[in-house]
Amino acid sequence: MLMPFLAQTSQTTRPVASCFGLNRCHPARNFGRYCRWWGARSKAIHSPRSIFGPTNGAPSSDIVKKRKIVEHIILLRAKPNISDAEEKDMLDYLYTSQYQMRGILTVSLGRIEGPNSESFTHAVFMRFQQKEDIAKFQSSSYYSKVLDEHVKPVSYGLVSVDFESEVEDDIIPLFRRGEDFNYGVEFMLLISFLETASRESVEDALAHLQKLIIHYSSFIVQATSGCCLDHMDSLYSHASVIRFPSIDDFKLFKESTEYKDMWTSKFHPVTERCLELHFVVDPVGNQLM
């Protein structure tokens, strides 16, 4: 959803570079064609370490009970003259919103590392129990006050993307608590597919992404994937959020031959738009704002 206070930064009027430099400017359309398949398949892979390595709080039995959740991504474009104090204030208020409102299971945020095709500067990841909780959050007076007083004055706007997924029904993976989640790198991947892409090609690309997550499971703390809600507003049909324990683990995954080959052979031929973002996670917001 494009927030009304920044209509001037509309995404629909300029070309968007794909993840490996392929420019496309076709309008987004028909995003729901592959969501049923993606939703069913993506639920098999969500917390690689709990499946292939340390339990990370998940049950040790072969059958792991899952819980449905909704992931909420907020992307910001901060003004060039934002001060360190203003940036910290903005991030602190967004982070501590989890202590002020019900329904928010966890929050992760930070300054985006490196350039990206949409010129976003900051990203926020929130996890909610259900779709209704996101609606309540976005319409709440508290969140509106945070936007009006601490976000809008120092940014050019906000774009949000939501997608449904599942995680182990256990406190640590659900709330992302524990040592593994205190630090690390959050990697966000947003994708939409060409209208002309065949169902088989899209399914094959998504399946290869999941296989790659499994292959690198020992370097991943948690991964969630799913179809975007309200995709006509966000312009993306599918999203994935992957938490790595360190920047070195992230680079090992992102710069691997397998990842590059996957994009070249599987995603580039069928991808209309793609956005890759990552930020370093540091503890913030230790006090209620």
Protein backbone atom coordinates (compact mmCIF):
# COMPACT_ATOMS: atom_id res chain seq x y z
CA MET A 1 0.00 0.00 0.00
CA LEU A 2 1.45 3.40 -0.97
CA MET A 3 0.93 5.82 1.87
CA PRO A 4 -1.02 8.94 0.80
CA PHE A 5 1.58 11.39 2.11
CA LEU A 6 3.93 10.49 -0.74
CA ALA A 7 2.08 10.26 -3.99
CA GLN A 8 5.04 11.98 -5.63
CA THR A 9 7.18 8.85 -5.40
CA SER A 10 4.82 6.57 -7.30
CA GLN A 11 6.47 3.34 -8.41
CA THR A 12 4.32 2.95 -11.50
CA THR A 13 5.98 5.55 -13.72
CA ARG A 14 9.66 4.63 -13.85
CA PRO A 15 11.62 1.57 -14.95
CA VAL A 16 12.70 -0.77 -12.21
CA ALA A 17 15.94 -2.71 -12.43
CA SER A 18 15.70 -6.37 -11.62
CA CYS A 19 18.05 -7.99 -9.14
CA PHE A 20 20.83 -8.49 -11.65
CA GLY A 21 20.48 -5.35 -13.75
CA LEU A 22 17.76 -6.36 -16.21
CA ASN A 23 15.50 -3.32 -16.73
CA ARG A 24 11.79 -3.78 -17.17
CA CYS A 25 8.98 -1.23 -17.06
CA HIS A 26 5.84 -3.30 -17.71
CA PRO A 27 2.90 -2.64 -15.39
CA ALA A 28 2.23 -5.21 -12.70
CA ARG A 29 -0.69 -7.53 -13.36
CA ASN A 30 -2.21 -10.94 -12.72
CA PHE A 31 -0.21 -11.51 -9.53
CA GLY A 32 -2.52 -14.14 -8.13
CA ARG A 33 -1.83 -16.77 -10.79
CA TYR A 34 0.74 -18.72 -8.78
CA CYS A 35 -0.16 -17.90 -5.16
CA ARG A 36 -2.01 -21.13 -4.44
CA TRP A 37 1.00 -23.22 -5.46
CA TRP A 38 3.53 -20.93 -3.74
CA GLY A 39 1.52 -20.82 -0.52
CA ALA A 40 1.30 -24.61 -0.35
CA ARG A 41 4.93 -25.26 -1.22
CA SER A 42 6.52 -22.46 0.80
CA LYS A 43 5.08 -23.73 4.06
CA ALA A 44 7.51 -26.63 3.98
CA ILE A 45 10.51 -24.35 4.59
CA HIS A 46 10.46 -21.69 7.25
CA SER A 47 13.11 -22.09 9.88
CA PRO A 48 16.00 -24.02 8.33
CA ARG A 49 18.04 -24.28 11.50
CA SER A 50 15.17 -25.84 13.37
CA ILE A 51 14.80 -28.48 10.65
CA PHE A 52 18.39 -29.23 9.75
CA GLY A 53 20.40 -27.96 12.71
CA PRO A 54 19.85 -26.60 16.23
CA THR A 55 16.23 -26.76 17.30
CA ASN A 56 16.00 -23.00 17.88
CA GLY A 57 13.15 -23.74 20.26
CA ALA A 58 11.15 -25.95 17.91
CA PRO A 59 9.93 -29.41 18.96
CA SER A 60 12.42 -32.18 18.31
CA SER A 61 9.91 -34.58 16.78
CA ASP A 62 9.82 -35.19 13.02
CA ILE A 63 6.36 -33.60 12.79
CA VAL A 64 6.67 -29.91 13.70
CA LYS A 65 3.48 -28.08 14.55
CA LYS A 66 3.15 -24.89 12.50
CA ARG A 67 1.39 -21.64 13.13
CA LYS A 68 0.10 -19.22 10.51
CA ILE A 69 1.45 -15.69 10.65
CA VAL A 70 1.46 -12.58 8.46
CA GLU A 71 4.72 -10.81 7.67
CA HIS A 72 4.62 -7.02 7.26
CA ILE A 73 7.43 -5.16 5.45
CA ILE A 74 7.72 -1.36 5.63
CA LEU A 75 10.09 0.40 3.24
CA LEU A 76 11.11 4.04 3.74
CA ARG A 77 12.95 6.71 1.78
CA ALA A 78 14.59 9.01 4.32
CA LYS A 79 15.43 12.58 3.38
CA PRO A 80 19.10 13.15 2.51
CA ASN A 81 19.55 15.65 5.34
CA ILE A 82 18.19 13.39 8.09
CA SER A 83 20.38 13.66 11.19
CA ASP A 84 21.63 10.73 13.26
CA ALA A 85 19.36 11.82 16.10
CA GLU A 86 16.30 12.00 13.81
CA GLU A 87 17.09 8.62 12.32
CA LYS A 88 17.44 7.01 15.75
CA ASP A 89 14.23 8.65 16.91
CA MET A 90 12.32 7.34 13.89
CA LEU A 91 13.64 3.80 14.25
CA ASP A 92 13.15 3.73 18.02
CA TYR A 93 9.50 4.71 17.76
CA LEU A 94 8.82 2.18 15.02
CA TYR A 95 10.63 -0.55 16.96
CA THR A 96 8.93 0.06 20.31
CA SER A 97 5.47 0.04 18.71
CA GLN A 98 5.51 -3.70 19.48
CA TYR A 99 5.29 -2.84 23.17
CA GLN A 100 2.45 -0.39 22.69
CA MET A 101 0.07 -2.47 20.60
CA ARG A 102 -1.31 -5.99 20.67
CA GLY A 103 -0.87 -8.39 17.78
CA ILE A 104 2.75 -7.57 16.91
CA LEU A 105 4.89 -10.66 17.52
CA THR A 106 8.30 -9.25 16.60
CA VAL A 107 10.01 -6.28 14.97
CA SER A 108 13.31 -5.98 13.13
CA LEU A 109 14.56 -2.85 11.38
CA GLY A 110 17.58 -0.96 10.16
CA ARG A 111 19.27 1.14 7.51
CA ILE A 112 19.40 -0.61 4.14
CA GLU A 113 22.92 -1.51 3.06
CA GLY A 114 23.95 -0.59 -0.46
CA PRO A 115 21.93 0.91 -3.33
CA ASN A 116 18.64 -0.53 -4.58
CA SER A 117 16.46 0.05 -7.62
CA GLU A 118 13.76 1.89 -5.64
CA SER A 119 16.10 4.09 -3.57
CA PHE A 120 14.74 2.88 -0.24
CA THR A 121 16.93 3.79 2.72
CA HIS A 122 15.34 1.96 5.68
CA ALA A 123 13.34 -1.24 6.14
CA VAL A 124 11.11 -2.52 8.93
CA PHE A 125 10.02 -6.13 9.37
CA MET A 126 7.00 -6.89 11.57
CA ARG A 127 5.24 -10.15 12.26
CA PHE A 128 1.53 -10.28 13.11
CA GLN A 129 -0.71 -13.10 14.21
CA GLN A 130 -3.32 -12.44 11.53
CA LYS A 131 -4.31 -10.05 8.74
CA GLU A 132 -6.80 -8.27 10.94
CA ASP A 133 -4.01 -7.24 13.30
CA ILE A 134 -2.22 -5.39 10.51
CA ALA A 135 -5.37 -3.44 9.69
CA LYS A 136 -5.79 -2.50 13.35
CA PHE A 137 -2.15 -1.48 13.57
CA GLN A 138 -2.26 0.74 10.49
CA SER A 139 -5.50 2.45 11.57
CA SER A 140 -4.48 2.96 15.20
CA SER A 141 -4.05 6.42 16.64
CA TYR A 142 -0.68 5.46 18.10
CA TYR A 143 0.78 4.41 14.75
CA SER A 144 -0.68 7.50 13.07
CA LYS A 145 1.02 9.66 15.69
CA VAL A 146 4.35 7.89 15.13
CA LEU A 147 4.06 8.51 11.38
CA ASP A 148 3.00 12.14 11.76
CA GLU A 149 5.61 13.10 14.36
CA HIS A 150 8.59 10.82 13.74
CA VAL A 151 8.44 9.39 10.20
CA LYS A 152 6.83 11.84 7.77
CA PRO A 153 8.95 14.86 8.76
CA VAL A 154 12.19 13.01 7.92
CA SER A 155 11.15 10.79 4.97
CA TYR A 156 9.68 10.97 1.50
CA GLY A 157 7.22 8.19 2.09
CA LEU A 158 6.41 4.67 3.06
CA VAL A 159 5.52 1.54 1.10
CA SER A 160 4.29 -1.65 2.77
CA VAL A 161 4.16 -5.27 1.60
CA ASP A 162 2.37 -8.08 3.44
CA PHE A 163 2.50 -11.83 2.90
CA GLU A 164 1.18 -14.90 4.69
CA SER A 165 3.44 -17.71 5.85
CA GLU A 166 3.99 -20.19 8.69
CA VAL A 167 6.56 -20.80 11.41
CA GLU A 168 7.01 -23.40 14.12
CA ASP A 169 4.43 -22.95 16.86
CA ASP A 170 7.01 -22.34 19.56
CA ILE A 171 8.02 -19.20 21.44
CA ILE A 172 11.57 -18.78 20.09
CA PRO A 173 10.92 -19.12 16.33
CA LEU A 174 7.50 -17.46 16.56
CA PHE A 175 8.64 -14.37 18.45
CA ARG A 176 12.21 -14.54 17.10
CA ARG A 177 13.68 -14.55 20.56
CA GLY A 178 17.02 -15.84 21.73
CA GLU A 179 20.67 -15.28 20.94
CA ASP A 180 20.35 -16.18 17.24
CA PHE A 181 17.98 -13.25 16.69
CA ASN A 182 19.84 -10.57 18.65
CA TYR A 183 22.13 -9.73 15.75
CA GLY A 184 22.53 -10.65 12.11
CA VAL A 185 21.34 -9.61 8.66
CA GLU A 186 17.78 -9.39 7.39
CA PHE A 187 17.44 -10.15 3.66
CA MET A 188 14.22 -9.22 1.86
CA LEU A 189 13.38 -10.45 -1.62
CA LEU A 190 10.31 -9.09 -3.45
CA ILE A 191 9.29 -10.46 -6.85
CA SER A 192 6.59 -10.19 -9.49
CA PHE A 193 6.37 -12.34 -12.60
CA LEU A 194 5.71 -11.58 -16.25
CA GLU A 195 2.16 -12.10 -17.45
CA THR A 196 3.55 -14.16 -20.31
CA ALA A 197 5.47 -16.51 -17.99
CA SER A 198 4.16 -20.06 -17.95
CA ARG A 199 2.92 -21.59 -14.71
CA GLU A 200 5.54 -24.34 -14.97
CA SER A 201 8.41 -21.82 -15.30
CA VAL A 202 7.26 -19.79 -12.30
CA GLU A 203 6.77 -22.90 -10.17
CA ASP A 204 10.21 -24.12 -11.15
CA ALA A 205 11.83 -20.80 -10.19
CA LEU A 206 10.11 -20.69 -6.79
CA ALA A 207 10.98 -24.32 -6.13
CA HIS A 208 14.66 -23.63 -6.85
CA LEU A 209 14.64 -20.73 -4.38
CA GLN A 210 13.32 -23.02 -1.66
CA LYS A 211 15.83 -25.73 -2.53
CA LEU A 212 18.62 -23.16 -2.23
CA ILE A 213 17.36 -22.12 1.21
CA ILE A 214 17.49 -25.75 2.29
CA HIS A 215 20.95 -26.17 0.79
CA TYR A 216 22.24 -23.22 2.85
CA SER A 217 20.17 -24.02 5.94
CA SER A 218 23.19 -24.16 8.23
CA PHE A 219 23.86 -20.48 7.40
CA ILE A 220 20.25 -19.34 7.89
CA VAL A 221 18.45 -18.62 11.16
CA GLN A 222 14.91 -18.39 9.75
CA ALA A 223 13.23 -18.01 6.36
CA THR A 224 9.60 -17.24 5.52
CA SER A 225 8.05 -16.99 2.05
CA GLY A 226 4.61 -16.47 0.62
CA CYS A 227 2.22 -14.66 -1.71
CA CYS A 228 1.74 -10.95 -1.15
CA LEU A 229 -1.58 -9.61 0.03
CA ASP A 230 -2.99 -6.57 -1.81
CA HIS A 231 -0.37 -7.17 -4.46
CA MET A 232 -1.86 -4.68 -6.90
CA ASP A 233 -0.91 -1.91 -4.46
CA SER A 234 2.60 -3.13 -3.63
CA LEU A 235 3.38 -4.23 -7.22
CA TYR A 236 4.95 -7.45 -5.93
CA SER A 237 3.31 -10.85 -5.93
CA HIS A 238 5.76 -12.91 -3.85
CA ALA A 239 8.07 -12.15 -0.95
CA SER A 240 10.67 -13.85 1.17
CA VAL A 241 12.45 -12.75 4.34
CA ILE A 242 15.63 -14.59 5.34
CA ARG A 243 17.55 -13.93 8.58
CA PHE A 244 21.27 -14.68 8.51
CA PRO A 245 23.42 -14.79 11.67
CA SER A 246 26.12 -12.53 10.15
CA ILE A 247 27.08 -10.50 7.13
CA ASP A 248 29.55 -13.22 6.14
CA ASP A 249 26.78 -15.84 6.08
CA PHE A 250 24.60 -13.50 4.03
CA LYS A 251 27.38 -12.92 1.49
CA LEU A 252 28.07 -16.64 1.28
CA PHE A 253 24.45 -17.17 0.23
CA LYS A 254 23.99 -14.07 -1.94
CA GLU A 255 27.31 -14.29 -3.76
CA SER A 256 27.23 -18.05 -4.26
CA THR A 257 27.38 -19.53 -7.73
CA GLU A 258 24.15 -21.41 -7.00
CA TYR A 259 22.26 -18.19 -6.21
CA LYS A 260 23.54 -16.37 -9.30
CA ASP A 261 22.87 -19.36 -11.54
CA MET A 262 19.35 -19.65 -10.12
CA TRP A 263 18.60 -16.04 -11.06
CA THR A 264 20.17 -16.26 -14.48
CA SER A 265 18.49 -19.50 -15.54
CA LYS A 266 15.24 -19.56 -13.54
CA PHE A 267 14.12 -16.07 -12.52
CA HIS A 268 15.38 -13.64 -15.17
CA PRO A 269 13.33 -15.18 -18.00
CA VAL A 270 10.07 -14.89 -16.04
CA THR A 271 10.59 -11.93 -13.67
CA GLU A 272 8.93 -8.58 -14.30
CA ARG A 273 10.24 -6.76 -11.22
CA CYS A 274 12.50 -7.70 -8.37
CA LEU A 275 13.74 -5.88 -5.29
CA GLU A 276 16.56 -7.15 -3.08
CA LEU A 277 17.24 -5.41 0.24
CA HIS A 278 19.26 -6.21 3.32
CA PHE A 279 20.10 -4.48 6.57
CA VAL A 280 22.24 -5.24 9.58
CA VAL A 281 20.27 -5.97 12.73
CA ASP A 282 21.31 -4.24 15.94
CA PRO A 283 19.34 -4.02 19.20
CA VAL A 284 17.44 -0.71 19.38
CA GLY A 285 14.56 0.70 21.36
CA ASN A 286 15.43 -0.53 24.84
CA GLN A 287 13.02 1.93 26.39
CA LEU A 288 9.37 2.62 25.74
CA MET A 289 8.90 5.74 23.64
